[in-house]
Amino acid sequence: MSGNTSDDGLPGYAETLSAYHRAFGRELRALIEGLPIRPGDRVLDLACGDGVYSRWLAEKGAHVLAVDIAPAFLELARREVQAASLSDRVTFARADLDHLPIPDDPFDLVWCAQSLYSLPDPVEALRKMEQVARPGGIVAVFENDEFHHVLLPWPVEVELALRRAELKALIDLSPKPRKFYVGRDLRPIFRAAGLSNCQHRTWTIDRQAPLGPDDRAYLAGYLADLREKAAPRLSGPIAAEFDRRVDPASPGYLLDDPDLAVTFLNHLAWCAKQER
């Protein structure tokens, strides 16, 4: 996703993120429903972004501390929580990982959704998440792996070239390009942080044509971002075929395919903090 900032101070990917949450709200809410949360539990939502998970956690009766370093995201999240009449259950704080608000009562759940990749050191992030969890409390991470996140029916030759081009783009974008593939490494990251017996599951979401408006909005943003990254690094017939599939004006545009089927693959890992 683009790292540019919009006029309202939100990162460039905020619109696509919002479309993602609208498109997959039913499945993502089901994921939250499966977390071991009881009414009255204390939850830390680390790098809360637009606050959608903070709202859903609060709807389960939890008291949520939502933390982010971006003032624009915190303001957006605050407005959404107010609109949902959940302000009495969600508190917001601007803080980075090194200055987390440490409560007198530690958290029953420390939650980080699709943000671990953006933190400077995932292992250190998990260590700090564990520090603010109560003994027996849950540390949970929901993440993606860029290589496997959105599974579209590309021609095999195009997909192989596309993934190479995407990696080259990420190498140019970041000094730590492997962070975009963090989903595959959650268990070893938990272990390196001292959190043993980590549980891991994949969380899949399927869509097929005809797409709903939110599904289409998210996928259109995804394809536009992928085109920006990969197209300059493709050539010849592969480039032509890729462009045919991602150009909204093309008769071969993927999202107009009446037989389109797409799978979204996510990773959920969690661990209970051991008594010491």
Protein backbone atom coordinates (compact mmCIF):
# COMPACT_ATOMS: atom_id res chain seq x y z
CA MET A 1 0.00 0.00 0.00
CA SER A 2 1.09 3.52 -0.67
CA GLY A 3 2.89 5.28 2.15
CA ASN A 4 1.87 8.78 1.03
CA THR A 5 -0.17 11.01 3.33
CA SER A 6 -3.54 12.49 2.37
CA ASP A 7 -4.71 16.04 3.03
CA ASP A 8 -6.38 14.99 6.29
CA GLY A 9 -3.10 13.57 7.63
CA LEU A 10 -4.07 9.92 7.17
CA PRO A 11 -1.61 7.59 5.43
CA GLY A 12 -2.24 6.91 1.77
CA TYR A 13 -3.42 3.38 2.47
CA ALA A 14 -6.20 4.51 4.86
CA GLU A 15 -8.92 4.43 2.20
CA THR A 16 -8.00 0.91 1.09
CA LEU A 17 -7.81 -0.19 4.74
CA SER A 18 -11.29 1.17 5.35
CA ALA A 19 -12.58 -0.69 2.29
CA TYR A 20 -10.94 -3.88 3.59
CA HIS A 21 -12.73 -3.57 6.93
CA ARG A 22 -16.07 -2.90 5.23
CA ALA A 23 -15.64 -5.75 2.76
CA PHE A 24 -14.63 -8.35 5.32
CA GLY A 25 -16.36 -7.03 8.42
CA ARG A 26 -18.47 -10.17 8.88
CA GLU A 27 -15.46 -12.50 8.85
CA LEU A 28 -13.25 -10.19 10.91
CA ARG A 29 -15.97 -9.81 13.55
CA ALA A 30 -16.20 -13.61 13.70
CA LEU A 31 -12.45 -13.68 14.39
CA ILE A 32 -12.93 -11.24 17.27
CA GLU A 33 -15.84 -13.31 18.56
CA GLY A 34 -13.49 -16.28 18.79
CA LEU A 35 -11.02 -14.51 21.08
CA PRO A 36 -11.16 -15.46 24.78
CA ILE A 37 -12.62 -12.16 26.01
CA ARG A 38 -15.15 -11.73 28.80
CA PRO A 39 -17.20 -8.62 29.59
CA GLY A 40 -15.07 -6.30 31.71
CA ASP A 41 -11.72 -7.60 30.44
CA ARG A 42 -8.98 -5.06 29.83
CA VAL A 43 -7.60 -5.01 26.28
CA LEU A 44 -4.70 -3.15 24.70
CA ASP A 45 -5.14 -2.53 20.96
CA LEU A 46 -1.59 -1.77 19.86
CA ALA A 47 -1.16 0.34 16.69
CA CYS A 48 -4.94 0.61 16.51
CA GLY A 49 -5.06 2.51 13.20
CA ASP A 50 -8.65 3.43 12.31
CA GLY A 51 -9.88 1.75 15.50
CA VAL A 52 -12.18 -0.82 13.91
CA TYR A 53 -10.88 -3.64 16.13
CA SER A 54 -11.13 -1.39 19.19
CA ARG A 55 -14.84 -0.96 18.44
CA TRP A 56 -15.44 -4.63 17.89
CA LEU A 57 -13.57 -5.55 21.07
CA ALA A 58 -15.57 -2.99 23.01
CA GLU A 59 -18.80 -4.43 21.60
CA LYS A 60 -17.86 -7.67 23.38
CA GLY A 61 -17.85 -5.76 26.66
CA ALA A 62 -14.09 -5.23 26.94
CA HIS A 63 -12.51 -2.01 28.19
CA VAL A 64 -10.04 -1.06 25.45
CA LEU A 65 -6.97 1.14 25.49
CA ALA A 66 -6.32 2.00 21.83
CA VAL A 67 -2.77 3.18 21.13
CA ASP A 68 -1.28 4.61 17.95
CA ILE A 69 1.41 7.14 17.02
CA ALA A 70 -0.65 8.79 14.26
CA PRO A 71 -2.86 11.65 15.51
CA ALA A 72 -5.05 11.51 12.39
CA PHE A 73 -5.78 7.81 12.91
CA LEU A 74 -6.57 8.39 16.58
CA GLU A 75 -8.97 11.20 15.72
CA LEU A 76 -10.69 9.04 13.10
CA ALA A 77 -10.94 6.14 15.54
CA ARG A 78 -12.29 8.42 18.27
CA ARG A 79 -15.06 9.71 15.97
CA GLU A 80 -16.07 6.19 14.98
CA VAL A 81 -16.17 5.03 18.60
CA GLN A 82 -18.31 8.02 19.55
CA ALA A 83 -20.69 7.30 16.68
CA ALA A 84 -21.05 3.73 17.95
CA SER A 85 -21.80 5.00 21.50
CA LEU A 86 -18.80 3.12 22.88
CA SER A 87 -16.80 6.03 24.29
CA ASP A 88 -17.23 4.71 27.83
CA ARG A 89 -15.37 1.52 26.87
CA VAL A 90 -12.53 2.84 24.69
CA THR A 91 -9.71 5.15 25.77
CA PHE A 92 -7.20 6.52 23.27
CA ALA A 93 -3.54 7.33 23.79
CA ARG A 94 -0.85 8.56 21.42
CA ALA A 95 2.25 6.51 22.16
CA ASP A 96 4.95 4.48 20.47
CA LEU A 97 6.16 1.05 21.43
CA ASP A 98 8.84 2.42 23.75
CA HIS A 99 6.37 4.53 25.72
CA LEU A 100 3.33 2.31 26.17
CA PRO A 101 0.99 3.41 28.94
CA ILE A 102 1.65 0.91 31.72
CA PRO A 103 -1.54 0.31 33.72
CA ASP A 104 -1.77 -0.57 37.40
CA ASP A 105 -3.82 -3.58 36.32
CA PRO A 106 -2.22 -5.47 33.40
CA PHE A 107 -4.23 -6.43 30.35
CA ASP A 108 -6.22 -9.61 29.81
CA LEU A 109 -5.58 -9.37 26.06
CA VAL A 110 -2.86 -7.52 24.17
CA TRP A 111 -3.90 -7.32 20.52
CA CYS A 112 -2.03 -6.17 17.41
CA ALA A 113 -3.84 -6.42 14.08
CA GLN A 114 -2.03 -6.06 10.75
CA SER A 115 0.47 -3.67 12.30
CA LEU A 116 3.29 -5.86 13.63
CA TYR A 117 5.03 -5.57 10.25
CA SER A 118 5.15 -1.78 10.65
CA LEU A 119 6.92 -1.83 14.02
CA PRO A 120 10.74 -1.52 14.10
CA ASP A 121 11.43 -4.95 15.64
CA PRO A 122 8.67 -7.60 15.79
CA VAL A 123 10.46 -9.66 18.47
CA GLU A 124 10.95 -6.66 20.72
CA ALA A 125 7.36 -5.60 20.09
CA LEU A 126 6.09 -8.97 21.31
CA ARG A 127 8.30 -8.79 24.39
CA LYS A 128 6.79 -5.42 25.28
CA MET A 129 3.30 -6.72 24.59
CA GLU A 130 3.94 -9.58 27.01
CA GLN A 131 5.20 -7.17 29.67
CA VAL A 132 1.83 -5.43 29.89
CA ALA A 133 -0.23 -8.67 29.86
CA ARG A 134 -1.30 -10.29 33.10
CA PRO A 135 -0.08 -13.80 33.91
CA GLY A 136 -2.39 -16.07 31.94
CA GLY A 137 -3.40 -13.18 29.70
CA ILE A 138 -3.32 -13.52 25.93
CA VAL A 139 -0.90 -11.91 23.48
CA ALA A 140 -2.42 -12.12 19.98
CA VAL A 141 -1.29 -10.98 16.54
CA PHE A 142 -3.29 -10.91 13.32
CA GLU A 143 -1.10 -10.51 10.23
CA ASN A 144 -0.63 -11.11 6.53
CA ASP A 145 2.11 -12.40 4.26
CA GLU A 146 2.32 -10.26 1.14
CA PHE A 147 3.25 -13.25 -1.01
CA HIS A 148 0.11 -15.19 -0.08
CA HIS A 149 -2.34 -12.57 1.11
CA VAL A 150 -4.54 -12.08 -1.96
CA LEU A 151 -4.77 -15.19 -4.14
CA LEU A 152 -6.03 -14.17 -7.57
CA PRO A 153 -6.28 -16.37 -10.69
CA TRP A 154 -3.24 -14.98 -12.47
CA PRO A 155 -1.70 -16.98 -15.30
CA VAL A 156 1.12 -18.91 -13.66
CA GLU A 157 3.87 -17.19 -15.66
CA VAL A 158 2.46 -13.76 -14.76
CA GLU A 159 2.19 -14.60 -11.07
CA LEU A 160 5.79 -15.82 -10.84
CA ALA A 161 7.11 -12.68 -12.50
CA LEU A 162 4.71 -10.50 -10.53
CA ARG A 163 5.89 -11.75 -7.14
CA ARG A 164 9.53 -11.20 -8.11
CA ALA A 165 8.69 -7.67 -9.26
CA GLU A 166 6.77 -6.98 -6.05
CA LEU A 167 9.71 -8.08 -3.91
CA LYS A 168 12.05 -5.81 -5.89
CA ALA A 169 9.65 -2.92 -5.29
CA LEU A 170 9.55 -3.64 -1.56
CA ILE A 171 13.37 -3.80 -1.46
CA ASP A 172 13.42 -0.34 -3.02
CA LEU A 173 10.73 0.87 -0.62
CA SER A 174 12.12 -0.36 2.69
CA PRO A 175 15.47 -1.35 4.23
CA LYS A 176 13.56 -4.26 5.79
CA PRO A 177 11.51 -5.67 2.90
CA ARG A 178 11.01 -9.04 4.60
CA LYS A 179 8.71 -7.39 7.13
CA PHE A 180 5.96 -7.48 4.50
CA TYR A 181 6.07 -11.28 4.69
CA VAL A 182 5.88 -11.46 8.50
CA GLY A 183 2.78 -13.65 8.53
CA ARG A 184 4.80 -16.77 7.70
CA ASP A 185 7.15 -16.18 10.64
CA LEU A 186 4.75 -15.56 13.53
CA ARG A 187 5.53 -18.74 15.46
CA PRO A 188 9.33 -18.29 15.41
CA ILE A 189 8.89 -14.60 16.27
CA PHE A 190 6.76 -15.53 19.29
CA ARG A 191 9.36 -18.11 20.35
CA ALA A 192 12.23 -15.62 19.97
CA ALA A 193 10.29 -13.22 22.20
CA GLY A 194 10.10 -15.87 24.92
CA LEU A 195 6.45 -16.76 24.28
CA SER A 196 6.37 -20.54 23.99
CA ASN A 197 3.48 -22.80 22.97
CA CYS A 198 2.22 -20.25 20.46
CA GLN A 199 -0.93 -21.29 18.63
CA HIS A 200 -1.29 -20.46 14.94
CA ARG A 201 -4.10 -20.72 12.45
CA THR A 202 -4.81 -19.39 9.01
CA TRP A 203 -7.95 -17.33 8.54
CA THR A 204 -9.28 -17.51 5.00
CA ILE A 205 -11.94 -15.40 3.30
CA ASP A 206 -13.36 -16.29 -0.10
CA ARG A 207 -15.10 -14.07 -2.63
CA GLN A 208 -16.39 -14.71 -6.12
CA ALA A 209 -18.10 -12.77 -8.88
CA PRO A 210 -20.28 -10.83 -8.85
CA LEU A 211 -18.39 -8.74 -6.29
CA GLY A 212 -20.18 -6.49 -3.85
CA PRO A 213 -19.28 -2.78 -3.89
CA ASP A 214 -17.00 -2.99 -0.84
CA ASP A 215 -15.22 -6.10 -2.12
CA ARG A 216 -14.69 -4.40 -5.45
CA ALA A 217 -13.48 -1.17 -3.84
CA TYR A 218 -10.88 -3.02 -1.80
CA LEU A 219 -9.66 -5.15 -4.71
CA ALA A 220 -9.53 -2.16 -7.05
CA GLY A 221 -7.27 -0.38 -4.55
CA TYR A 222 -5.16 -3.50 -4.15
CA LEU A 223 -4.70 -3.91 -7.91
CA ALA A 224 -3.88 -0.23 -8.38
CA ASP A 225 -1.21 -0.43 -5.69
CA LEU A 226 0.18 -3.66 -7.15
CA ARG A 227 0.29 -2.10 -10.61
CA GLU A 228 2.24 0.88 -9.26
CA LYS A 229 4.80 -1.42 -7.64
CA ALA A 230 5.17 -4.15 -10.24
CA ALA A 231 4.50 -2.69 -13.68
CA PRO A 232 7.81 -0.76 -13.96
CA ARG A 233 9.66 -4.00 -13.20
CA LEU A 234 7.93 -6.19 -15.79
CA SER A 235 8.62 -6.36 -19.51
CA GLY A 236 7.59 -8.04 -22.75
CA PRO A 237 4.52 -10.27 -23.03
CA ILE A 238 4.33 -10.69 -19.23
CA ALA A 239 4.01 -6.93 -18.78
CA ALA A 240 1.35 -6.71 -21.47
CA GLU A 241 -0.70 -9.54 -19.97
CA PHE A 242 -0.37 -8.12 -16.46
CA ASP A 243 -1.51 -4.69 -17.64
CA ARG A 244 -4.47 -6.21 -19.44
CA ARG A 245 -5.58 -7.79 -16.16
CA VAL A 246 -5.13 -4.73 -13.93
CA ASP A 247 -6.27 -1.89 -16.21
CA PRO A 248 -9.89 -1.00 -15.31
CA ALA A 249 -10.47 0.14 -18.91
CA SER A 250 -9.34 -3.21 -20.34
CA PRO A 251 -11.87 -5.89 -21.41
CA GLY A 252 -9.62 -8.34 -19.57
CA TYR A 253 -9.83 -6.51 -16.20
CA LEU A 254 -9.78 -9.13 -13.45
CA LEU A 255 -12.63 -7.61 -11.46
CA ASP A 256 -14.96 -7.81 -14.45
CA ASP A 257 -14.35 -11.53 -14.95
CA PRO A 258 -17.72 -13.29 -14.39
CA ASP A 259 -15.84 -16.38 -13.17
CA LEU A 260 -13.55 -14.54 -10.75
CA ALA A 261 -12.77 -16.35 -7.49
CA VAL A 262 -10.34 -14.89 -4.97
CA THR A 263 -9.09 -16.05 -1.58
CA PHE A 264 -7.64 -13.84 1.15
CA LEU A 265 -5.24 -15.61 3.49
CA ASN A 266 -4.51 -14.20 6.96
CA HIS A 267 -2.56 -15.45 9.95
CA LEU A 268 -3.62 -15.40 13.60
CA ALA A 269 -1.13 -16.32 16.33
CA TRP A 270 -1.64 -16.14 20.07
CA CYS A 271 -0.04 -17.26 23.31
CA ALA A 272 -0.93 -17.15 26.99
CA LYS A 273 1.60 -15.42 29.22
CA GLN A 274 3.14 -17.94 31.56
CA GLU A 275 3.03 -17.60 35.34
CA ARG A 276 6.44 -16.67 36.75
